[in-house]
Amino acid sequence: MSYTLSLLSPSSQHFSATSLAQSLHTAWVRVEAGGDADWQQLVLQHADADDIVQIDRLPVATGTEGEAAIQQFLLQIAAAMPLSAAQWLLDYLLQVRTVYRFTLCEGIHEADGWDEMDAFKQALHERAGGIFQSDNEGFSNEAGFHILWQFADDASGPWWMAVRQNGEWQPFQMELSDPEQKEAFLLGQVPAGAEVVQMETSDMNTGNNTNA
């Protein structure tokens, strides 16, 4: 099965392939469906023509693939923890107007494939706004911090997270394999021993955990 990640945007605005391609270094953009200004599918490719990632633009409207994607996400978070983040996410998903689905290709592992995809993804996020969802990881908030526990049981390593407290996000870095830190996170608390980040939202980086 192909690995995918998605940018879930509250904007229905179109952003031209040409403007987004300016974020790339050596990769090219190939329009597969639609035109430059109203594309429905793009492919990033290396100069030697190996595909890096396919990006599908899926408007969210009745009966569309975009609507089906949102419905699937809603099912995924029905029993997710912590509850404060799940409730925020439920409300947010109902406001999403466009799903940008990134499907990784073999070229992602060649040369600077990951860097090229990340540059494009960041350029799109800066224009469209939104949150990220990644296979086997889950959802971020708008600043790129992970907000739900949807990891495999054997997940390990440091990870940038955030919990919802008093209507605001508190970001921090925790160790995924630490059972006490996991328990605190599931309760919507900053785990003891976690590295807390004190930053303004406008200063936070996007995509902290989205390099699958």
N, C-alpha and C. Protein backbone atom coordinates (compact mmCIF):
# COMPACT_ATOMS: atom_id res chain seq x y z
N MET A 1 0.84 -1.20 0.00
CA MET A 1 0.00 0.00 0.00
C MET A 1 0.87 1.26 0.00
N SER A 2 0.52 2.23 -0.81
CA SER A 2 1.27 3.48 -0.88
C SER A 2 1.12 4.28 0.40
N TYR A 3 2.21 4.96 0.77
CA TYR A 3 2.17 5.82 1.94
C TYR A 3 1.65 7.19 1.52
N THR A 4 0.72 7.73 2.29
CA THR A 4 0.17 9.04 1.97
C THR A 4 0.19 9.94 3.20
N LEU A 5 0.25 11.22 2.94
CA LEU A 5 0.01 12.23 3.95
C LEU A 5 -0.87 13.29 3.31
N SER A 6 -1.60 14.02 4.13
CA SER A 6 -2.57 14.98 3.59
C SER A 6 -2.45 16.32 4.29
N LEU A 7 -2.64 17.38 3.52
CA LEU A 7 -2.84 18.72 4.06
C LEU A 7 -4.33 19.00 3.98
N LEU A 8 -4.93 19.27 5.12
CA LEU A 8 -6.38 19.51 5.20
C LEU A 8 -6.59 20.99 5.41
N SER A 9 -7.05 21.67 4.37
CA SER A 9 -7.10 23.13 4.37
C SER A 9 -8.52 23.67 4.45
N PRO A 10 -8.73 24.75 5.22
CA PRO A 10 -10.04 25.40 5.25
C PRO A 10 -10.26 26.32 4.06
N SER A 11 -9.27 26.42 3.18
CA SER A 11 -9.36 27.30 2.02
C SER A 11 -9.77 26.51 0.78
N SER A 12 -10.63 27.12 -0.05
CA SER A 12 -11.01 26.52 -1.33
C SER A 12 -10.30 27.21 -2.49
N GLN A 13 -9.38 28.11 -2.19
CA GLN A 13 -8.67 28.87 -3.21
C GLN A 13 -7.71 27.98 -3.99
N HIS A 14 -7.53 28.31 -5.28
CA HIS A 14 -6.55 27.62 -6.12
C HIS A 14 -5.21 28.34 -6.03
N PHE A 15 -4.13 27.55 -6.08
CA PHE A 15 -2.78 28.10 -6.09
C PHE A 15 -2.04 27.48 -7.27
N SER A 16 -1.50 28.31 -8.14
CA SER A 16 -0.96 27.81 -9.40
C SER A 16 0.23 26.89 -9.19
N ALA A 17 0.38 25.94 -10.10
CA ALA A 17 1.52 25.04 -10.06
C ALA A 17 2.83 25.81 -10.22
N THR A 18 2.80 26.85 -11.05
CA THR A 18 4.01 27.64 -11.28
C THR A 18 4.48 28.32 -10.01
N SER A 19 3.56 28.92 -9.26
CA SER A 19 3.96 29.61 -8.03
C SER A 19 4.47 28.63 -6.98
N LEU A 20 3.87 27.47 -6.88
CA LEU A 20 4.30 26.47 -5.90
C LEU A 20 5.66 25.88 -6.29
N ALA A 21 5.91 25.75 -7.59
CA ALA A 21 7.16 25.17 -8.07
C ALA A 21 8.37 26.04 -7.73
N GLN A 22 8.14 27.31 -7.44
CA GLN A 22 9.24 28.20 -7.09
C GLN A 22 9.92 27.80 -5.79
N SER A 23 9.25 26.95 -5.00
CA SER A 23 9.84 26.49 -3.74
C SER A 23 10.87 25.39 -3.95
N LEU A 24 10.89 24.78 -5.12
CA LEU A 24 11.76 23.63 -5.39
C LEU A 24 13.17 24.07 -5.76
N HIS A 25 14.12 23.15 -5.58
CA HIS A 25 15.53 23.44 -5.87
C HIS A 25 15.94 22.83 -7.20
N THR A 26 15.84 21.52 -7.32
CA THR A 26 16.21 20.86 -8.58
C THR A 26 15.06 20.06 -9.18
N ALA A 27 14.03 19.79 -8.39
CA ALA A 27 12.89 19.01 -8.87
C ALA A 27 12.00 19.84 -9.80
N TRP A 28 11.18 19.15 -10.57
CA TRP A 28 10.24 19.78 -11.49
C TRP A 28 8.83 19.43 -11.07
N VAL A 29 7.87 20.23 -11.54
CA VAL A 29 6.45 19.94 -11.34
C VAL A 29 5.82 19.57 -12.68
N ARG A 30 5.10 18.47 -12.69
CA ARG A 30 4.39 18.03 -13.89
C ARG A 30 2.90 18.04 -13.61
N VAL A 31 2.13 18.78 -14.39
CA VAL A 31 0.67 18.83 -14.21
C VAL A 31 0.06 17.62 -14.90
N GLU A 32 -0.61 16.77 -14.13
CA GLU A 32 -1.20 15.55 -14.66
C GLU A 32 -2.69 15.71 -14.98
N ALA A 33 -3.37 16.59 -14.25
CA ALA A 33 -4.80 16.81 -14.49
C ALA A 33 -5.12 18.26 -14.21
N GLY A 34 -5.87 18.88 -15.14
CA GLY A 34 -6.18 20.30 -15.01
C GLY A 34 -5.11 21.16 -15.66
N GLY A 35 -5.17 22.46 -15.36
CA GLY A 35 -4.19 23.39 -15.90
C GLY A 35 -3.29 23.93 -14.82
N ASP A 36 -2.43 24.86 -15.19
CA ASP A 36 -1.49 25.44 -14.22
C ASP A 36 -2.23 26.10 -13.07
N ALA A 37 -3.29 26.84 -13.37
CA ALA A 37 -3.99 27.60 -12.34
C ALA A 37 -5.05 26.79 -11.61
N ASP A 38 -5.55 25.73 -12.24
CA ASP A 38 -6.65 24.97 -11.63
C ASP A 38 -6.36 23.47 -11.62
N TRP A 39 -5.11 23.11 -11.33
CA TRP A 39 -4.70 21.71 -11.36
C TRP A 39 -5.49 20.87 -10.36
N GLN A 40 -5.69 19.61 -10.73
CA GLN A 40 -6.27 18.62 -9.81
C GLN A 40 -5.25 17.57 -9.40
N GLN A 41 -4.20 17.41 -10.20
CA GLN A 41 -3.14 16.47 -9.83
C GLN A 41 -1.80 16.96 -10.37
N LEU A 42 -0.80 16.94 -9.49
CA LEU A 42 0.56 17.29 -9.85
C LEU A 42 1.48 16.13 -9.49
N VAL A 43 2.63 16.07 -10.15
CA VAL A 43 3.68 15.14 -9.77
C VAL A 43 4.99 15.91 -9.66
N LEU A 44 5.69 15.74 -8.55
CA LEU A 44 7.05 16.27 -8.43
C LEU A 44 7.99 15.19 -8.94
N GLN A 45 8.96 15.60 -9.76
CA GLN A 45 9.89 14.63 -10.31
C GLN A 45 11.31 15.15 -10.28
N HIS A 46 12.26 14.24 -10.16
CA HIS A 46 13.66 14.59 -10.25
C HIS A 46 13.99 14.99 -11.68
N ALA A 47 15.14 15.62 -11.85
CA ALA A 47 15.57 16.03 -13.19
C ALA A 47 15.73 14.83 -14.12
N ASP A 48 16.03 13.64 -13.54
CA ASP A 48 16.16 12.44 -14.37
C ASP A 48 14.83 11.75 -14.60
N ALA A 49 13.72 12.42 -14.21
CA ALA A 49 12.34 12.00 -14.49
C ALA A 49 11.76 11.01 -13.51
N ASP A 50 12.50 10.57 -12.47
CA ASP A 50 11.92 9.69 -11.47
C ASP A 50 10.93 10.49 -10.60
N ASP A 51 9.73 9.95 -10.43
CA ASP A 51 8.70 10.64 -9.67
C ASP A 51 9.00 10.61 -8.17
N ILE A 52 8.79 11.75 -7.50
CA ILE A 52 9.02 11.88 -6.06
C ILE A 52 7.72 11.71 -5.29
N VAL A 53 6.70 12.45 -5.68
CA VAL A 53 5.42 12.40 -4.98
C VAL A 53 4.32 12.89 -5.91
N GLN A 54 3.15 12.30 -5.76
CA GLN A 54 1.96 12.73 -6.50
C GLN A 54 1.08 13.50 -5.54
N ILE A 55 0.59 14.67 -5.96
CA ILE A 55 -0.28 15.50 -5.13
C ILE A 55 -1.63 15.64 -5.81
N ASP A 56 -2.68 15.19 -5.14
CA ASP A 56 -4.04 15.33 -5.64
C ASP A 56 -4.76 16.42 -4.86
N ARG A 57 -5.42 17.31 -5.58
CA ARG A 57 -6.23 18.36 -4.95
C ARG A 57 -7.68 17.90 -4.96
N LEU A 58 -8.26 17.68 -3.77
CA LEU A 58 -9.60 17.12 -3.65
C LEU A 58 -10.52 18.12 -2.96
N PRO A 59 -11.35 18.85 -3.70
CA PRO A 59 -12.32 19.75 -3.07
C PRO A 59 -13.30 18.95 -2.21
N VAL A 60 -13.72 19.54 -1.11
CA VAL A 60 -14.67 18.88 -0.22
C VAL A 60 -16.06 19.42 -0.52
N ALA A 61 -16.87 18.61 -1.16
CA ALA A 61 -18.24 18.96 -1.49
C ALA A 61 -19.04 17.66 -1.51
N THR A 62 -20.34 17.77 -1.49
CA THR A 62 -21.22 16.59 -1.43
C THR A 62 -20.92 15.62 -2.57
N GLY A 63 -20.67 14.37 -2.21
CA GLY A 63 -20.45 13.33 -3.19
C GLY A 63 -19.07 13.26 -3.79
N THR A 64 -18.12 14.04 -3.26
CA THR A 64 -16.77 14.07 -3.82
C THR A 64 -15.82 13.15 -3.04
N GLU A 65 -14.68 12.88 -3.65
CA GLU A 65 -13.64 12.09 -2.98
C GLU A 65 -13.11 12.84 -1.76
N GLY A 66 -13.10 14.17 -1.85
CA GLY A 66 -12.67 14.97 -0.71
C GLY A 66 -13.60 14.79 0.48
N GLU A 67 -14.90 14.77 0.23
CA GLU A 67 -15.85 14.55 1.32
C GLU A 67 -15.67 13.16 1.93
N ALA A 68 -15.43 12.16 1.07
CA ALA A 68 -15.23 10.80 1.57
C ALA A 68 -13.98 10.72 2.45
N ALA A 69 -12.94 11.45 2.07
CA ALA A 69 -11.72 11.47 2.87
C ALA A 69 -11.98 12.05 4.26
N ILE A 70 -12.73 13.15 4.30
CA ILE A 70 -13.05 13.76 5.60
C ILE A 70 -13.89 12.82 6.45
N GLN A 71 -14.84 12.15 5.86
CA GLN A 71 -15.66 11.20 6.61
C GLN A 71 -14.82 10.07 7.18
N GLN A 72 -13.84 9.63 6.43
CA GLN A 72 -12.95 8.58 6.91
C GLN A 72 -12.12 9.07 8.09
N PHE A 73 -11.65 10.30 7.99
CA PHE A 73 -10.88 10.88 9.10
C PHE A 73 -11.74 11.01 10.35
N LEU A 74 -12.99 11.40 10.19
CA LEU A 74 -13.89 11.52 11.33
C LEU A 74 -14.08 10.18 12.02
N LEU A 75 -14.14 9.11 11.25
CA LEU A 75 -14.26 7.78 11.84
C LEU A 75 -12.99 7.41 12.60
N GLN A 76 -11.84 7.80 12.08
CA GLN A 76 -10.57 7.47 12.72
C GLN A 76 -10.44 8.09 14.10
N ILE A 77 -11.02 9.27 14.30
CA ILE A 77 -10.81 9.98 15.57
C ILE A 77 -11.97 9.78 16.54
N ALA A 78 -12.91 8.91 16.19
CA ALA A 78 -14.10 8.74 17.03
C ALA A 78 -13.75 8.36 18.46
N ALA A 79 -12.71 7.55 18.65
CA ALA A 79 -12.32 7.12 19.99
C ALA A 79 -10.90 7.55 20.33
N ALA A 80 -10.41 8.58 19.64
CA ALA A 80 -9.03 9.00 19.82
C ALA A 80 -8.84 9.78 21.11
N MET A 81 -7.61 9.78 21.60
CA MET A 81 -7.23 10.50 22.81
C MET A 81 -6.02 11.38 22.49
N PRO A 82 -5.90 12.51 23.23
CA PRO A 82 -6.77 12.99 24.32
C PRO A 82 -8.07 13.59 23.80
N LEU A 83 -9.07 13.59 24.67
CA LEU A 83 -10.40 14.03 24.26
C LEU A 83 -10.43 15.49 23.84
N SER A 84 -9.67 16.34 24.51
CA SER A 84 -9.68 17.77 24.18
C SER A 84 -9.19 18.00 22.76
N ALA A 85 -8.17 17.24 22.33
CA ALA A 85 -7.65 17.37 20.96
C ALA A 85 -8.62 16.76 19.96
N ALA A 86 -9.23 15.64 20.32
CA ALA A 86 -10.18 14.99 19.41
C ALA A 86 -11.38 15.89 19.13
N GLN A 87 -11.86 16.58 20.17
CA GLN A 87 -12.99 17.48 19.98
C GLN A 87 -12.60 18.67 19.09
N TRP A 88 -11.42 19.23 19.34
CA TRP A 88 -10.93 20.33 18.50
C TRP A 88 -10.82 19.87 17.05
N LEU A 89 -10.28 18.67 16.86
CA LEU A 89 -10.07 18.15 15.52
C LEU A 89 -11.40 17.89 14.82
N LEU A 90 -12.36 17.36 15.53
CA LEU A 90 -13.69 17.13 14.95
C LEU A 90 -14.26 18.44 14.41
N ASP A 91 -14.21 19.49 15.20
CA ASP A 91 -14.72 20.79 14.77
C ASP A 91 -13.94 21.31 13.56
N TYR A 92 -12.61 21.10 13.59
CA TYR A 92 -11.77 21.60 12.51
C TYR A 92 -12.06 20.88 11.19
N LEU A 93 -12.20 19.56 11.26
CA LEU A 93 -12.43 18.79 10.03
C LEU A 93 -13.72 19.21 9.33
N LEU A 94 -14.70 19.63 10.08
CA LEU A 94 -15.96 20.06 9.48
C LEU A 94 -15.82 21.38 8.73
N GLN A 95 -14.69 22.08 8.94
CA GLN A 95 -14.44 23.34 8.25
C GLN A 95 -13.50 23.18 7.06
N VAL A 96 -12.98 21.98 6.85
CA VAL A 96 -12.03 21.75 5.76
C VAL A 96 -12.74 21.84 4.41
N ARG A 97 -12.14 22.56 3.48
CA ARG A 97 -12.72 22.74 2.15
C ARG A 97 -11.89 22.09 1.04
N THR A 98 -10.63 21.78 1.33
CA THR A 98 -9.78 21.14 0.33
C THR A 98 -8.83 20.15 1.01
N VAL A 99 -8.74 18.96 0.44
CA VAL A 99 -7.77 17.96 0.88
C VAL A 99 -6.68 17.87 -0.18
N TYR A 100 -5.43 18.07 0.23
CA TYR A 100 -4.29 17.86 -0.66
C TYR A 100 -3.63 16.56 -0.23
N ARG A 101 -3.75 15.54 -1.07
CA ARG A 101 -3.23 14.21 -0.72
C ARG A 101 -1.88 13.99 -1.41
N PHE A 102 -0.86 13.73 -0.60
CA PHE A 102 0.49 13.46 -1.10
C PHE A 102 0.71 11.94 -1.07
N THR A 103 0.94 11.33 -2.22
CA THR A 103 1.23 9.91 -2.30
C THR A 103 2.68 9.73 -2.71
N LEU A 104 3.48 9.12 -1.84
CA LEU A 104 4.91 9.02 -2.07
C LEU A 104 5.23 8.02 -3.17
N CYS A 105 6.21 8.37 -4.01
CA CYS A 105 6.68 7.53 -5.09
C CYS A 105 8.11 7.08 -4.80
N GLU A 106 8.65 6.20 -5.63
CA GLU A 106 9.97 5.63 -5.38
C GLU A 106 11.06 6.71 -5.32
N GLY A 107 10.89 7.77 -6.10
CA GLY A 107 11.90 8.81 -6.14
C GLY A 107 12.06 9.59 -4.86
N ILE A 108 11.15 9.41 -3.90
CA ILE A 108 11.26 10.11 -2.61
C ILE A 108 12.55 9.70 -1.90
N HIS A 109 13.03 8.49 -2.16
CA HIS A 109 14.22 7.97 -1.48
C HIS A 109 15.50 8.28 -2.23
N GLU A 110 15.41 8.96 -3.35
CA GLU A 110 16.58 9.28 -4.15
C GLU A 110 17.02 10.72 -3.92
N ALA A 111 18.33 10.92 -3.90
CA ALA A 111 18.92 12.25 -3.80
C ALA A 111 18.22 13.07 -2.71
N ASP A 112 17.70 14.23 -3.08
CA ASP A 112 17.06 15.12 -2.11
C ASP A 112 15.54 15.06 -2.23
N GLY A 113 15.01 13.86 -2.49
CA GLY A 113 13.56 13.72 -2.68
C GLY A 113 12.75 14.21 -1.49
N TRP A 114 13.16 13.84 -0.27
CA TRP A 114 12.42 14.28 0.91
C TRP A 114 12.44 15.80 1.05
N ASP A 115 13.63 16.39 0.82
CA ASP A 115 13.75 17.84 0.95
C ASP A 115 12.87 18.57 -0.06
N GLU A 116 12.82 18.05 -1.29
CA GLU A 116 12.00 18.69 -2.31
C GLU A 116 10.52 18.61 -1.95
N MET A 117 10.08 17.44 -1.47
CA MET A 117 8.69 17.33 -1.08
C MET A 117 8.36 18.25 0.09
N ASP A 118 9.26 18.31 1.07
CA ASP A 118 9.02 19.16 2.23
C ASP A 118 8.94 20.63 1.83
N ALA A 119 9.80 21.06 0.91
CA ALA A 119 9.78 22.45 0.45
C ALA A 119 8.46 22.77 -0.23
N PHE A 120 8.00 21.86 -1.08
CA PHE A 120 6.72 22.06 -1.77
C PHE A 120 5.57 22.06 -0.78
N LYS A 121 5.60 21.12 0.16
CA LYS A 121 4.55 21.00 1.16
C LYS A 121 4.46 22.26 2.02
N GLN A 122 5.62 22.81 2.39
CA GLN A 122 5.62 24.02 3.19
C GLN A 122 5.08 25.21 2.40
N ALA A 123 5.45 25.30 1.12
CA ALA A 123 4.96 26.39 0.28
C ALA A 123 3.44 26.32 0.14
N LEU A 124 2.91 25.12 -0.01
CA LEU A 124 1.46 24.95 -0.11
C LEU A 124 0.79 25.30 1.21
N HIS A 125 1.38 24.87 2.31
CA HIS A 125 0.81 25.16 3.63
C HIS A 125 0.80 26.65 3.92
N GLU A 126 1.86 27.35 3.52
CA GLU A 126 1.92 28.80 3.75
C GLU A 126 0.80 29.52 3.02
N ARG A 127 0.39 29.00 1.87
CA ARG A 127 -0.67 29.63 1.09
C ARG A 127 -2.06 29.18 1.55
N ALA A 128 -2.23 27.89 1.75
CA ALA A 128 -3.56 27.33 2.00
C ALA A 128 -3.90 27.21 3.48
N GLY A 129 -2.88 27.18 4.36
CA GLY A 129 -3.13 26.92 5.77
C GLY A 129 -3.61 25.49 5.96
N GLY A 130 -3.92 25.14 7.20
CA GLY A 130 -4.47 23.82 7.45
C GLY A 130 -3.65 22.99 8.41
N ILE A 131 -4.01 21.72 8.51
CA ILE A 131 -3.37 20.76 9.39
C ILE A 131 -2.92 19.57 8.56
N PHE A 132 -2.00 18.77 9.14
CA PHE A 132 -1.48 17.61 8.42
C PHE A 132 -1.99 16.31 9.04
N GLN A 133 -2.14 15.30 8.18
CA GLN A 133 -2.45 13.94 8.61
C GLN A 133 -1.49 13.02 7.87
N SER A 134 -0.90 12.08 8.62
CA SER A 134 0.05 11.16 8.02
C SER A 134 -0.29 9.72 8.39
N ASP A 135 -0.13 8.81 7.44
CA ASP A 135 -0.34 7.39 7.71
C ASP A 135 0.54 6.95 8.87
N ASN A 136 -0.02 6.15 9.77
CA ASN A 136 0.70 5.55 10.89
C ASN A 136 1.19 6.56 11.92
N GLU A 137 0.80 7.82 11.78
CA GLU A 137 1.18 8.84 12.74
C GLU A 137 -0.04 9.58 13.26
N GLY A 138 -0.83 10.13 12.35
CA GLY A 138 -2.04 10.82 12.76
C GLY A 138 -2.04 12.28 12.38
N PHE A 139 -2.60 13.11 13.25
CA PHE A 139 -2.90 14.50 12.92
C PHE A 139 -2.01 15.48 13.67
N SER A 140 -1.73 16.59 13.01
CA SER A 140 -1.05 17.71 13.65
C SER A 140 -2.06 18.84 13.87
N ASN A 141 -1.64 19.85 14.62
CA ASN A 141 -2.40 21.10 14.65
C ASN A 141 -1.87 22.00 13.54
N GLU A 142 -2.31 23.24 13.49
CA GLU A 142 -1.91 24.14 12.40
C GLU A 142 -0.44 24.50 12.44
N ALA A 143 0.21 24.31 13.59
CA ALA A 143 1.64 24.62 13.72
C ALA A 143 2.51 23.40 13.48
N GLY A 144 1.91 22.25 13.19
CA GLY A 144 2.69 21.07 12.88
C GLY A 144 3.00 20.15 14.03
N PHE A 145 2.46 20.43 15.22
CA PHE A 145 2.69 19.57 16.38
C PHE A 145 1.63 18.48 16.45
N HIS A 146 2.06 17.26 16.78
CA HIS A 146 1.18 16.10 16.81
C HIS A 146 0.19 16.19 17.98
N ILE A 147 -1.10 15.88 17.74
CA ILE A 147 -2.11 16.14 18.78
C ILE A 147 -2.91 14.93 19.22
N LEU A 148 -2.80 13.78 18.53
CA LEU A 148 -3.53 12.57 18.92
C LEU A 148 -2.58 11.39 19.01
N TRP A 149 -2.96 10.38 19.81
CA TRP A 149 -2.15 9.17 19.88
C TRP A 149 -2.71 8.15 18.90
N GLN A 150 -2.02 7.99 17.78
CA GLN A 150 -2.41 7.02 16.75
C GLN A 150 -1.20 6.23 16.27
N PHE A 151 -0.23 6.05 17.16
CA PHE A 151 1.00 5.36 16.83
C PHE A 151 0.85 3.85 17.03
N ALA A 152 1.77 3.10 16.43
CA ALA A 152 1.86 1.67 16.69
C ALA A 152 2.30 1.44 18.13
N ASP A 153 1.98 0.26 18.67
CA ASP A 153 2.29 -0.04 20.07
C ASP A 153 3.79 0.02 20.37
N ASP A 154 4.62 -0.27 19.36
CA ASP A 154 6.07 -0.28 19.59
C ASP A 154 6.74 1.01 19.16
N ALA A 155 5.98 2.09 19.01
CA ALA A 155 6.56 3.37 18.61
C ALA A 155 7.57 3.84 19.65
N SER A 156 8.65 4.44 19.17
CA SER A 156 9.67 4.94 20.08
C SER A 156 10.37 6.14 19.46
N GLY A 157 11.11 6.86 20.29
CA GLY A 157 11.85 8.01 19.81
C GLY A 157 11.22 9.32 20.25
N PRO A 158 11.98 10.42 20.16
CA PRO A 158 11.45 11.74 20.53
C PRO A 158 10.45 12.23 19.49
N TRP A 159 9.39 12.91 19.94
CA TRP A 159 8.36 13.39 19.00
C TRP A 159 7.78 14.69 19.52
N TRP A 160 7.60 15.63 18.61
CA TRP A 160 7.00 16.92 18.98
C TRP A 160 5.49 16.79 19.03
N MET A 161 4.92 17.12 20.18
CA MET A 161 3.50 16.95 20.45
C MET A 161 2.91 18.27 20.95
N ALA A 162 1.59 18.29 21.15
CA ALA A 162 0.93 19.43 21.79
C ALA A 162 -0.37 18.95 22.42
N VAL A 163 -0.71 19.54 23.56
CA VAL A 163 -1.99 19.26 24.21
C VAL A 163 -2.78 20.57 24.28
N ARG A 164 -4.09 20.44 24.30
CA ARG A 164 -5.00 21.58 24.31
C ARG A 164 -5.35 21.92 25.75
N GLN A 165 -4.94 23.10 26.21
CA GLN A 165 -5.20 23.52 27.58
C GLN A 165 -5.68 24.97 27.58
N ASN A 166 -6.83 25.20 28.22
CA ASN A 166 -7.40 26.55 28.33
C ASN A 166 -7.53 27.23 26.96
N GLY A 167 -7.93 26.45 25.97
CA GLY A 167 -8.17 27.02 24.65
C GLY A 167 -6.93 27.30 23.82
N GLU A 168 -5.76 26.84 24.29
CA GLU A 168 -4.51 27.07 23.57
C GLU A 168 -3.71 25.77 23.50
N TRP A 169 -2.79 25.72 22.54
CA TRP A 169 -1.92 24.55 22.40
C TRP A 169 -0.65 24.76 23.19
N GLN A 170 -0.25 23.74 23.93
CA GLN A 170 1.03 23.74 24.62
C GLN A 170 1.92 22.69 23.97
N PRO A 171 2.94 23.13 23.22
CA PRO A 171 3.81 22.17 22.53
C PRO A 171 4.96 21.69 23.42
N PHE A 172 5.41 20.48 23.14
CA PHE A 172 6.53 19.89 23.89
C PHE A 172 7.06 18.70 23.11
N GLN A 173 8.22 18.21 23.54
CA GLN A 173 8.78 17.00 22.95
C GLN A 173 8.79 15.90 24.01
N MET A 174 8.26 14.72 23.63
CA MET A 174 8.20 13.60 24.54
C MET A 174 8.85 12.37 23.92
N GLU A 175 9.08 11.35 24.73
CA GLU A 175 9.58 10.07 24.27
C GLU A 175 8.40 9.13 24.10
N LEU A 176 8.17 8.66 22.87
CA LEU A 176 6.97 7.87 22.58
C LEU A 176 6.93 6.55 23.33
N SER A 177 8.09 5.98 23.65
CA SER A 177 8.11 4.68 24.30
C SER A 177 7.98 4.76 25.82
N ASP A 178 7.94 5.96 26.38
CA ASP A 178 7.85 6.14 27.83
C ASP A 178 6.38 5.99 28.26
N PRO A 179 6.02 4.94 29.01
CA PRO A 179 4.61 4.71 29.35
C PRO A 179 4.01 5.81 30.22
N GLU A 180 4.80 6.41 31.09
CA GLU A 180 4.27 7.48 31.95
C GLU A 180 4.02 8.75 31.14
N GLN A 181 4.91 9.04 30.22
CA GLN A 181 4.69 10.21 29.36
C GLN A 181 3.49 9.98 28.45
N LYS A 182 3.34 8.77 27.94
CA LYS A 182 2.19 8.45 27.10
C LYS A 182 0.89 8.61 27.89
N GLU A 183 0.85 8.09 29.12
CA GLU A 183 -0.36 8.19 29.94
C GLU A 183 -0.74 9.64 30.18
N ALA A 184 0.25 10.49 30.48
CA ALA A 184 -0.03 11.90 30.70
C ALA A 184 -0.58 12.55 29.44
N PHE A 185 0.02 12.24 28.29
CA PHE A 185 -0.46 12.81 27.03
C PHE A 185 -1.90 12.42 26.77
N LEU A 186 -2.23 11.15 26.97
CA LEU A 186 -3.59 10.68 26.71
C LEU A 186 -4.61 11.41 27.58
N LEU A 187 -4.16 11.89 28.73
CA LEU A 187 -5.05 12.65 29.63
C LEU A 187 -5.07 14.14 29.29
N GLY A 188 -4.34 14.51 28.24
CA GLY A 188 -4.30 15.92 27.85
C GLY A 188 -3.38 16.76 28.70
N GLN A 189 -2.33 16.13 29.25
CA GLN A 189 -1.40 16.82 30.14
C GLN A 189 0.00 16.82 29.53
N VAL A 190 0.78 17.84 29.87
CA VAL A 190 2.19 17.85 29.47
C VAL A 190 2.93 16.86 30.36
N PRO A 191 3.58 15.85 29.79
CA PRO A 191 4.25 14.83 30.61
C PRO A 191 5.40 15.41 31.43
N ALA A 192 5.58 14.85 32.62
CA ALA A 192 6.73 15.22 33.43
C ALA A 192 8.00 14.84 32.69
N GLY A 193 8.97 15.73 32.66
CA GLY A 193 10.23 15.46 31.98
C GLY A 193 10.24 15.81 30.52
N ALA A 194 9.09 16.22 29.97
CA ALA A 194 9.04 16.59 28.56
C ALA A 194 9.68 17.96 28.35
N GLU A 195 10.25 18.17 27.18
CA GLU A 195 10.85 19.45 26.83
C GLU A 195 9.76 20.39 26.33
N VAL A 196 9.39 21.37 27.15
CA VAL A 196 8.29 22.28 26.82
C VAL A 196 8.80 23.41 25.93
N VAL A 197 8.00 23.79 24.94
CA VAL A 197 8.36 24.86 24.01
C VAL A 197 7.53 26.09 24.32
N GLN A 198 8.19 27.21 24.55
CA GLN A 198 7.50 28.47 24.77
C GLN A 198 7.69 29.34 23.54
N MET A 199 6.70 29.31 22.64
CA MET A 199 6.81 30.04 21.38
C MET A 199 5.48 30.63 21.01
N GLU A 200 5.53 31.75 20.29
CA GLU A 200 4.33 32.30 19.71
C GLU A 200 3.93 31.42 18.53
N THR A 201 2.60 31.29 18.30
CA THR A 201 2.13 30.44 17.22
C THR A 201 2.75 30.82 15.88
N SER A 202 2.92 32.13 15.64
CA SER A 202 3.44 32.59 14.37
C SER A 202 4.90 32.19 14.17
N ASP A 203 5.60 31.82 15.27
CA ASP A 203 7.01 31.45 15.17
C ASP A 203 7.21 29.95 15.03
N MET A 204 6.13 29.17 15.17
CA MET A 204 6.27 27.72 15.16
C MET A 204 6.45 27.21 13.73
N ASN A 205 7.30 26.22 13.58
CA ASN A 205 7.52 25.59 12.29
C ASN A 205 6.41 24.61 11.98
N THR A 206 6.09 24.45 10.70
CA THR A 206 5.14 23.41 10.30
C THR A 206 5.91 22.17 9.94
N GLY A 207 5.18 21.04 9.98
CA GLY A 207 5.77 19.79 9.52
C GLY A 207 6.85 19.23 10.41
N ASN A 208 6.79 19.46 11.73
CA ASN A 208 7.83 18.96 12.61
C ASN A 208 7.95 17.45 12.58
N ASN A 209 6.85 16.75 12.38
CA ASN A 209 6.86 15.29 12.47
C ASN A 209 6.39 14.64 11.19
N THR A 210 6.45 15.32 10.07
CA THR A 210 5.80 14.79 8.88
C THR A 210 6.76 14.15 7.89
N ASN A 211 8.00 13.92 8.27
CA ASN A 211 8.90 13.15 7.41
C ASN A 211 8.76 11.69 7.76
N ALA A 212 7.88 11.00 7.07
CA ALA A 212 7.57 9.63 7.44
C ALA A 212 8.78 8.72 7.28
